[in-house]
Amino acid sequence: MLLADEDTEEEATYRLVGSHEADAGAGLLSVTSPLGRALIGKTLGDVGEVTTPRGSRSYEVVKIAYG
């Protein structure tokens, strides 16, 4: 899943995985993490919002790939 930070427009690729496989540094995002939960059920063009220690952040789903 390719995400774009709506504030900075920086893009990052993540793969949603189970909590035992998670490694954010390697792009493996747990479905139980705050961002993972915000992205569940989102489709192309949707925005997921998550509260972080730095405040609320919004991420747009730019691309979805399966496999």
Protein backbone atom coordinates (compact mmCIF):
# COMPACT_ATOMS: atom_id res chain seq x y z
CA MET A 1 0.00 0.00 0.00
CA LEU A 2 1.47 3.35 -1.03
CA LEU A 3 0.53 6.18 1.32
CA ALA A 4 0.98 9.93 1.01
CA ASP A 5 1.23 12.09 4.13
CA GLU A 6 -1.32 14.84 3.51
CA ASP A 7 0.78 17.47 5.35
CA THR A 8 4.21 16.81 3.87
CA GLU A 9 3.17 14.94 0.69
CA GLU A 10 5.92 12.40 1.44
CA GLU A 11 5.10 8.92 0.19
CA ALA A 12 5.86 5.62 1.88
CA THR A 13 5.05 2.01 1.04
CA TYR A 14 3.73 -0.30 3.74
CA ARG A 15 2.46 -3.85 3.82
CA LEU A 16 -0.21 -4.65 6.41
CA VAL A 17 0.75 -7.79 8.35
CA GLY A 18 -0.07 -9.60 11.57
CA SER A 19 1.48 -8.27 14.77
CA HIS A 20 4.07 -11.07 14.91
CA GLU A 21 5.47 -10.03 11.48
CA ALA A 22 5.52 -6.26 12.08
CA ASP A 23 8.69 -4.29 11.38
CA ALA A 24 7.91 -0.66 10.54
CA GLY A 25 11.51 -0.03 9.47
CA ALA A 26 11.11 -2.72 6.82
CA GLY A 27 7.70 -1.40 5.74
CA LEU A 28 5.73 -4.13 7.52
CA LEU A 29 2.94 -2.42 9.45
CA SER A 30 0.91 -4.33 12.03
CA VAL A 31 -2.86 -4.34 11.51
CA THR A 32 -3.14 -3.68 15.27
CA SER A 33 -0.96 -0.54 15.18
CA PRO A 34 -2.74 2.83 15.23
CA LEU A 35 -1.97 3.48 11.55
CA GLY A 36 -2.81 -0.09 10.59
CA ARG A 37 -6.21 0.19 12.29
CA ALA A 38 -6.81 3.53 10.54
CA LEU A 39 -6.16 1.92 7.15
CA ILE A 40 -8.26 -1.24 7.50
CA GLY A 41 -11.05 -1.16 4.93
CA LYS A 42 -9.68 1.87 3.08
CA THR A 43 -9.58 1.87 -0.71
CA LEU A 44 -7.78 3.93 -3.33
CA GLY A 45 -8.15 7.65 -2.60
CA ASP A 46 -9.44 7.17 0.96
CA VAL A 47 -7.77 8.94 3.87
CA GLY A 48 -6.81 7.30 7.15
CA GLU A 49 -6.40 9.53 10.19
CA VAL A 50 -4.28 8.60 13.18
CA THR A 51 -3.40 10.41 16.39
CA THR A 52 0.34 10.46 17.10
CA PRO A 53 2.38 12.06 19.88
CA ARG A 54 2.93 14.95 17.43
CA GLY A 55 -0.81 15.36 16.82
CA SER A 56 -3.28 14.13 14.24
CA ARG A 57 -1.89 12.90 10.91
CA SER A 58 -3.73 12.05 7.70
CA TYR A 59 -2.55 9.58 5.07
CA GLU A 60 -4.09 9.15 1.63
CA VAL A 61 -4.08 5.70 0.00
CA VAL A 62 -2.33 6.33 -3.34
CA LYS A 63 -1.89 2.74 -4.53
CA ILE A 64 -2.93 -0.73 -3.37
CA ALA A 65 -1.12 -3.90 -4.39
CA TYR A 66 -1.93 -7.45 -3.37
CA GLY A 67 0.46 -10.31 -2.96
